[in-house]
Amino acid sequence: MIKTLTVKSSAREDFIDITDEVERVVKAEGVKRGICYLYVPHTTAGITINEGADPSVKKDILSVLKKIAPQAAGYLHMEGNADSHIKATIVGSSVVVLVEGGSLLLGQWQSIFFCEFDGPRTRKVYLKILKED
């Protein structure tokens, strides 16, 4: 089964916590044990798992990504979003989360973040859940 989450960003760059939405899908599907694959089908957005308890962590990550790939750096790509493509490549387009006891098996401080690098936009995240017998 493939489920689709819709994510709406309100800024050019943002980390949007989607952990609760993913957890709701897992519970609604009655998955007790398995694997949840999350995939972002966009070239200027990504997905990652990192600390969700302290909001300064996502700000620090975005700050470093802006230093690695600044918006205006004389890129050849003419759409004005080459930095967004680079940031999405660094972050990646998929993550895997184990499911155990009907819940996502995340660390105490971990959250799942949709990473917007060319917003604001409406985006998709695909979830593929494999149930273990």
N, C-alpha and C. Protein backbone atom coordinates (compact mmCIF):
# COMPACT_ATOMS: atom_id res chain seq x y z
N MET A 1 0.83 -1.18 0.00
CA MET A 1 0.00 0.00 0.00
C MET A 1 0.88 1.25 0.00
N ILE A 2 0.50 2.22 -0.76
CA ILE A 2 1.20 3.50 -0.78
C ILE A 2 0.21 4.57 -0.31
N LYS A 3 0.62 5.35 0.66
CA LYS A 3 -0.18 6.46 1.16
C LYS A 3 0.53 7.75 0.79
N THR A 4 -0.23 8.82 0.66
CA THR A 4 0.34 10.11 0.31
C THR A 4 0.01 11.14 1.39
N LEU A 5 1.04 11.81 1.87
CA LEU A 5 0.85 12.95 2.76
C LEU A 5 1.03 14.22 1.94
N THR A 6 0.23 15.22 2.20
CA THR A 6 0.39 16.52 1.57
C THR A 6 1.00 17.46 2.60
N VAL A 7 2.06 18.15 2.20
CA VAL A 7 2.76 19.07 3.09
C VAL A 7 2.75 20.45 2.44
N LYS A 8 2.30 21.44 3.20
CA LYS A 8 2.29 22.83 2.70
C LYS A 8 3.34 23.62 3.46
N SER A 9 4.28 24.16 2.71
CA SER A 9 5.31 25.00 3.34
C SER A 9 4.90 26.46 3.23
N SER A 10 5.40 27.26 4.15
CA SER A 10 5.05 28.68 4.16
C SER A 10 6.27 29.58 3.99
N ALA A 11 7.44 28.97 3.81
CA ALA A 11 8.68 29.74 3.64
C ALA A 11 9.51 29.10 2.54
N ARG A 12 10.51 29.81 2.06
CA ARG A 12 11.39 29.24 1.02
C ARG A 12 12.11 28.03 1.56
N GLU A 13 12.59 28.11 2.79
CA GLU A 13 13.31 26.99 3.40
C GLU A 13 12.72 26.72 4.78
N ASP A 14 12.46 25.45 5.04
CA ASP A 14 11.89 25.09 6.33
C ASP A 14 12.01 23.59 6.55
N PHE A 15 12.07 23.20 7.80
CA PHE A 15 11.97 21.81 8.21
C PHE A 15 10.60 21.67 8.87
N ILE A 16 9.73 20.84 8.31
CA ILE A 16 8.38 20.67 8.80
C ILE A 16 8.26 19.29 9.43
N ASP A 17 7.93 19.25 10.70
CA ASP A 17 7.83 18.00 11.43
C ASP A 17 6.57 17.25 10.99
N ILE A 18 6.76 16.07 10.39
CA ILE A 18 5.63 15.27 9.92
C ILE A 18 5.49 13.96 10.72
N THR A 19 6.19 13.86 11.82
CA THR A 19 6.20 12.63 12.62
C THR A 19 4.80 12.19 13.01
N ASP A 20 3.99 13.10 13.55
CA ASP A 20 2.65 12.74 14.01
C ASP A 20 1.77 12.25 12.85
N GLU A 21 1.90 12.88 11.68
CA GLU A 21 1.11 12.45 10.53
C GLU A 21 1.50 11.05 10.09
N VAL A 22 2.80 10.77 10.07
CA VAL A 22 3.26 9.44 9.68
C VAL A 22 2.78 8.41 10.70
N GLU A 23 2.88 8.76 11.97
CA GLU A 23 2.42 7.86 13.03
C GLU A 23 0.93 7.56 12.88
N ARG A 24 0.13 8.57 12.53
CA ARG A 24 -1.31 8.37 12.34
C ARG A 24 -1.59 7.37 11.20
N VAL A 25 -0.83 7.48 10.12
CA VAL A 25 -1.01 6.56 9.00
C VAL A 25 -0.68 5.13 9.42
N VAL A 26 0.43 4.96 10.14
CA VAL A 26 0.82 3.63 10.61
C VAL A 26 -0.27 3.03 11.49
N LYS A 27 -0.78 3.82 12.41
CA LYS A 27 -1.83 3.32 13.32
C LYS A 27 -3.13 3.04 12.56
N ALA A 28 -3.50 3.92 11.63
CA ALA A 28 -4.73 3.73 10.86
C ALA A 28 -4.67 2.46 10.00
N GLU A 29 -3.48 2.10 9.57
CA GLU A 29 -3.32 0.90 8.76
C GLU A 29 -3.21 -0.36 9.62
N GLY A 30 -3.17 -0.19 10.92
CA GLY A 30 -3.12 -1.34 11.82
C GLY A 30 -1.79 -2.09 11.79
N VAL A 31 -0.74 -1.40 11.43
CA VAL A 31 0.57 -2.03 11.36
C VAL A 31 1.13 -2.18 12.77
N LYS A 32 1.42 -3.40 13.17
CA LYS A 32 2.00 -3.65 14.49
C LYS A 32 3.52 -3.77 14.41
N ARG A 33 3.99 -4.33 13.31
CA ARG A 33 5.44 -4.53 13.14
C ARG A 33 5.73 -4.48 11.65
N GLY A 34 6.77 -3.74 11.28
CA GLY A 34 7.13 -3.66 9.87
C GLY A 34 8.11 -2.54 9.59
N ILE A 35 8.03 -2.04 8.36
CA ILE A 35 8.93 -0.99 7.90
C ILE A 35 8.11 0.06 7.18
N CYS A 36 8.42 1.32 7.45
CA CYS A 36 7.77 2.44 6.78
C CYS A 36 8.82 3.18 5.96
N TYR A 37 8.65 3.13 4.65
CA TYR A 37 9.52 3.87 3.74
C TYR A 37 8.85 5.21 3.45
N LEU A 38 9.62 6.28 3.52
CA LEU A 38 9.11 7.61 3.18
C LEU A 38 9.95 8.17 2.04
N TYR A 39 9.27 8.66 1.02
CA TYR A 39 9.95 9.14 -0.19
C TYR A 39 9.35 10.48 -0.62
N VAL A 40 10.22 11.42 -0.95
CA VAL A 40 9.81 12.75 -1.41
C VAL A 40 10.09 12.84 -2.91
N PRO A 41 9.04 12.98 -3.75
CA PRO A 41 9.23 12.99 -5.20
C PRO A 41 9.47 14.39 -5.77
N HIS A 42 10.35 15.14 -5.15
CA HIS A 42 10.62 16.51 -5.58
C HIS A 42 12.13 16.72 -5.63
N THR A 43 12.59 17.52 -6.57
CA THR A 43 14.04 17.75 -6.72
C THR A 43 14.56 18.92 -5.89
N THR A 44 13.65 19.66 -5.27
CA THR A 44 14.09 20.79 -4.43
C THR A 44 13.55 20.66 -3.00
N ALA A 45 13.30 19.45 -2.59
CA ALA A 45 12.86 19.16 -1.22
C ALA A 45 13.45 17.82 -0.82
N GLY A 46 13.46 17.56 0.48
CA GLY A 46 14.01 16.30 0.96
C GLY A 46 13.32 15.85 2.23
N ILE A 47 13.92 14.85 2.87
CA ILE A 47 13.36 14.33 4.11
C ILE A 47 14.52 13.83 4.97
N THR A 48 14.40 14.04 6.28
CA THR A 48 15.46 13.59 7.17
C THR A 48 14.87 13.27 8.54
N ILE A 49 15.65 12.57 9.33
CA ILE A 49 15.31 12.30 10.72
C ILE A 49 16.38 12.97 11.57
N ASN A 50 15.94 13.78 12.53
CA ASN A 50 16.88 14.46 13.41
C ASN A 50 16.15 14.89 14.67
N GLU A 51 16.84 15.64 15.51
CA GLU A 51 16.25 16.04 16.78
C GLU A 51 15.06 16.97 16.58
N GLY A 52 13.96 16.65 17.24
CA GLY A 52 12.76 17.47 17.15
C GLY A 52 12.44 18.21 18.43
N ALA A 53 13.15 17.92 19.52
CA ALA A 53 12.85 18.54 20.81
C ALA A 53 13.31 19.99 20.88
N ASP A 54 14.43 20.29 20.28
CA ASP A 54 15.00 21.64 20.34
C ASP A 54 14.93 22.27 18.95
N PRO A 55 14.09 23.27 18.74
CA PRO A 55 13.94 23.88 17.42
C PRO A 55 15.20 24.54 16.88
N SER A 56 16.17 24.80 17.75
CA SER A 56 17.40 25.41 17.26
C SER A 56 18.21 24.44 16.40
N VAL A 57 17.99 23.13 16.56
CA VAL A 57 18.72 22.15 15.75
C VAL A 57 18.38 22.32 14.28
N LYS A 58 17.09 22.41 13.94
CA LYS A 58 16.73 22.56 12.54
C LYS A 58 17.20 23.92 12.00
N LYS A 59 17.21 24.94 12.83
CA LYS A 59 17.73 26.24 12.41
C LYS A 59 19.23 26.15 12.12
N ASP A 60 19.95 25.41 12.96
CA ASP A 60 21.39 25.24 12.74
C ASP A 60 21.67 24.47 11.45
N ILE A 61 20.89 23.43 11.21
CA ILE A 61 21.09 22.64 9.98
C ILE A 61 20.82 23.51 8.75
N LEU A 62 19.72 24.26 8.76
CA LEU A 62 19.42 25.15 7.64
C LEU A 62 20.51 26.20 7.45
N SER A 63 21.04 26.72 8.55
CA SER A 63 22.11 27.72 8.48
C SER A 63 23.35 27.15 7.79
N VAL A 64 23.71 25.93 8.14
CA VAL A 64 24.89 25.31 7.54
C VAL A 64 24.63 25.01 6.06
N LEU A 65 23.44 24.52 5.73
CA LEU A 65 23.13 24.25 4.33
C LEU A 65 23.18 25.53 3.49
N LYS A 66 22.74 26.65 4.07
CA LYS A 66 22.82 27.93 3.36
C LYS A 66 24.27 28.35 3.11
N LYS A 67 25.16 28.01 4.03
CA LYS A 67 26.59 28.31 3.83
C LYS A 67 27.20 27.41 2.77
N ILE A 68 26.80 26.14 2.77
CA ILE A 68 27.32 25.19 1.78
C ILE A 68 26.83 25.54 0.38
N ALA A 69 25.55 25.90 0.27
CA ALA A 69 24.94 26.21 -1.02
C ALA A 69 24.14 27.50 -0.91
N PRO A 70 24.82 28.65 -0.97
CA PRO A 70 24.10 29.92 -0.89
C PRO A 70 23.18 30.14 -2.10
N GLN A 71 22.12 30.90 -1.89
CA GLN A 71 21.13 31.10 -2.95
C GLN A 71 21.74 31.75 -4.19
N ALA A 72 22.58 32.74 -4.02
CA ALA A 72 23.18 33.44 -5.15
C ALA A 72 24.68 33.13 -5.19
N ALA A 73 25.04 32.18 -6.04
CA ALA A 73 26.46 31.81 -6.13
C ALA A 73 26.90 31.59 -7.57
N GLY A 74 26.22 32.24 -8.51
CA GLY A 74 26.61 32.15 -9.91
C GLY A 74 26.38 30.79 -10.54
N TYR A 75 25.31 30.12 -10.16
CA TYR A 75 25.00 28.80 -10.69
C TYR A 75 24.61 28.89 -12.17
N LEU A 76 24.79 27.80 -12.89
CA LEU A 76 24.42 27.74 -14.30
C LEU A 76 22.91 27.51 -14.49
N HIS A 77 22.29 26.84 -13.55
CA HIS A 77 20.85 26.57 -13.62
C HIS A 77 20.11 27.90 -13.60
N MET A 78 19.28 28.14 -14.58
CA MET A 78 18.71 29.47 -14.80
C MET A 78 17.41 29.75 -14.04
N GLU A 79 16.85 28.78 -13.34
CA GLU A 79 15.57 29.00 -12.66
C GLU A 79 15.71 29.73 -11.33
N GLY A 80 16.93 29.96 -10.87
CA GLY A 80 17.13 30.66 -9.61
C GLY A 80 17.00 29.79 -8.38
N ASN A 81 16.95 28.47 -8.56
CA ASN A 81 16.80 27.59 -7.40
C ASN A 81 17.85 26.48 -7.37
N ALA A 82 18.99 26.72 -7.98
CA ALA A 82 20.07 25.71 -8.00
C ALA A 82 20.48 25.34 -6.58
N ASP A 83 20.51 26.31 -5.69
CA ASP A 83 20.86 26.01 -4.30
C ASP A 83 19.88 25.02 -3.68
N SER A 84 18.62 25.12 -4.08
CA SER A 84 17.59 24.20 -3.56
C SER A 84 17.85 22.77 -4.02
N HIS A 85 18.26 22.61 -5.27
CA HIS A 85 18.60 21.28 -5.79
C HIS A 85 19.79 20.69 -5.03
N ILE A 86 20.78 21.52 -4.77
CA ILE A 86 21.98 21.06 -4.06
C ILE A 86 21.62 20.64 -2.63
N LYS A 87 20.86 21.46 -1.93
CA LYS A 87 20.45 21.14 -0.55
C LYS A 87 19.63 19.85 -0.51
N ALA A 88 18.73 19.67 -1.48
CA ALA A 88 17.92 18.44 -1.53
C ALA A 88 18.80 17.22 -1.77
N THR A 89 19.83 17.37 -2.58
CA THR A 89 20.75 16.26 -2.83
C THR A 89 21.53 15.91 -1.57
N ILE A 90 21.96 16.91 -0.82
CA ILE A 90 22.70 16.66 0.42
C ILE A 90 21.81 15.96 1.45
N VAL A 91 20.59 16.43 1.62
CA VAL A 91 19.69 15.88 2.63
C VAL A 91 19.17 14.50 2.21
N GLY A 92 18.81 14.35 0.95
CA GLY A 92 18.29 13.08 0.45
C GLY A 92 16.78 13.08 0.31
N SER A 93 16.28 12.11 -0.43
CA SER A 93 14.86 12.07 -0.76
C SER A 93 14.09 10.94 -0.08
N SER A 94 14.75 10.16 0.78
CA SER A 94 14.03 9.08 1.43
C SER A 94 14.63 8.73 2.79
N VAL A 95 13.78 8.16 3.64
CA VAL A 95 14.21 7.61 4.93
C VAL A 95 13.40 6.35 5.19
N VAL A 96 13.91 5.52 6.08
CA VAL A 96 13.24 4.29 6.48
C VAL A 96 13.08 4.32 7.99
N VAL A 97 11.88 3.97 8.46
CA VAL A 97 11.62 3.91 9.89
C VAL A 97 11.02 2.55 10.21
N LEU A 98 11.56 1.90 11.22
CA LEU A 98 11.00 0.63 11.66
C LEU A 98 9.71 0.88 12.44
N VAL A 99 8.81 -0.08 12.39
CA VAL A 99 7.56 -0.03 13.16
C VAL A 99 7.57 -1.23 14.11
N GLU A 100 7.35 -0.95 15.38
CA GLU A 100 7.34 -2.00 16.40
C GLU A 100 6.26 -1.66 17.41
N GLY A 101 5.44 -2.64 17.75
CA GLY A 101 4.37 -2.40 18.72
C GLY A 101 3.35 -1.38 18.26
N GLY A 102 3.20 -1.25 16.94
CA GLY A 102 2.22 -0.32 16.38
C GLY A 102 2.67 1.12 16.33
N SER A 103 3.95 1.37 16.66
CA SER A 103 4.47 2.75 16.66
C SER A 103 5.78 2.83 15.89
N LEU A 104 6.08 4.04 15.45
CA LEU A 104 7.37 4.27 14.81
C LEU A 104 8.48 4.06 15.82
N LEU A 105 9.53 3.38 15.42
CA LEU A 105 10.64 3.09 16.31
C LEU A 105 11.70 4.18 16.13
N LEU A 106 11.42 5.33 16.73
CA LEU A 106 12.32 6.48 16.68
C LEU A 106 13.00 6.64 18.03
N GLY A 107 14.16 7.26 18.02
CA GLY A 107 14.84 7.57 19.27
C GLY A 107 14.07 8.63 20.05
N GLN A 108 14.41 8.76 21.30
CA GLN A 108 13.69 9.67 22.21
C GLN A 108 13.56 11.08 21.65
N TRP A 109 14.60 11.58 21.01
CA TRP A 109 14.59 12.97 20.55
C TRP A 109 14.33 13.10 19.05
N GLN A 110 14.15 11.97 18.36
CA GLN A 110 14.05 12.01 16.91
C GLN A 110 12.66 12.38 16.41
N SER A 111 12.66 13.13 15.30
CA SER A 111 11.44 13.47 14.57
C SER A 111 11.74 13.32 13.09
N ILE A 112 10.68 13.16 12.31
CA ILE A 112 10.81 13.08 10.85
C ILE A 112 10.48 14.46 10.29
N PHE A 113 11.39 14.99 9.49
CA PHE A 113 11.21 16.33 8.94
C PHE A 113 11.13 16.31 7.42
N PHE A 114 10.07 16.93 6.88
CA PHE A 114 10.04 17.27 5.47
C PHE A 114 10.88 18.53 5.32
N CYS A 115 11.81 18.53 4.39
CA CYS A 115 12.75 19.65 4.23
C CYS A 115 12.42 20.42 2.96
N GLU A 116 11.91 21.61 3.13
CA GLU A 116 11.56 22.49 2.01
C GLU A 116 12.75 23.40 1.70
N PHE A 117 13.12 23.45 0.42
CA PHE A 117 14.23 24.32 0.02
C PHE A 117 13.84 25.28 -1.11
N ASP A 118 12.59 25.23 -1.58
CA ASP A 118 12.17 26.10 -2.68
C ASP A 118 10.68 26.44 -2.56
N GLY A 119 10.29 26.85 -1.38
CA GLY A 119 8.89 27.13 -1.13
C GLY A 119 8.58 28.60 -1.25
N PRO A 120 7.40 28.95 -0.81
CA PRO A 120 6.36 28.06 -0.28
C PRO A 120 5.69 27.27 -1.41
N ARG A 121 5.36 26.03 -1.09
CA ARG A 121 4.74 25.12 -2.06
C ARG A 121 3.87 24.09 -1.34
N THR A 122 3.08 23.40 -2.14
CA THR A 122 2.36 22.22 -1.66
C THR A 122 3.09 21.02 -2.22
N ARG A 123 3.49 20.11 -1.34
CA ARG A 123 4.34 18.98 -1.73
C ARG A 123 3.70 17.66 -1.32
N LYS A 124 4.31 16.59 -1.78
CA LYS A 124 3.87 15.24 -1.45
C LYS A 124 4.98 14.47 -0.75
N VAL A 125 4.58 13.58 0.14
CA VAL A 125 5.46 12.58 0.72
C VAL A 125 4.75 11.24 0.56
N TYR A 126 5.41 10.28 -0.07
CA TYR A 126 4.84 8.95 -0.24
C TYR A 126 5.32 8.03 0.87
N LEU A 127 4.38 7.25 1.41
CA LEU A 127 4.69 6.26 2.43
C LEU A 127 4.36 4.88 1.89
N LYS A 128 5.31 3.99 2.01
CA LYS A 128 5.10 2.59 1.67
C LYS A 128 5.35 1.80 2.94
N ILE A 129 4.31 1.13 3.42
CA ILE A 129 4.41 0.40 4.68
C ILE A 129 4.39 -1.10 4.38
N LEU A 130 5.41 -1.79 4.85
CA LEU A 130 5.48 -3.23 4.71
C LEU A 130 5.21 -3.86 6.07
N LYS A 131 4.14 -4.64 6.14
CA LYS A 131 3.78 -5.30 7.38
C LYS A 131 4.57 -6.60 7.52
N GLU A 132 5.01 -6.85 8.74
CA GLU A 132 5.66 -8.12 9.03
C GLU A 132 4.62 -9.04 9.66
N ASP A 133 4.64 -10.28 9.26
CA ASP A 133 3.67 -11.24 9.83
C ASP A 133 4.03 -11.65 11.23
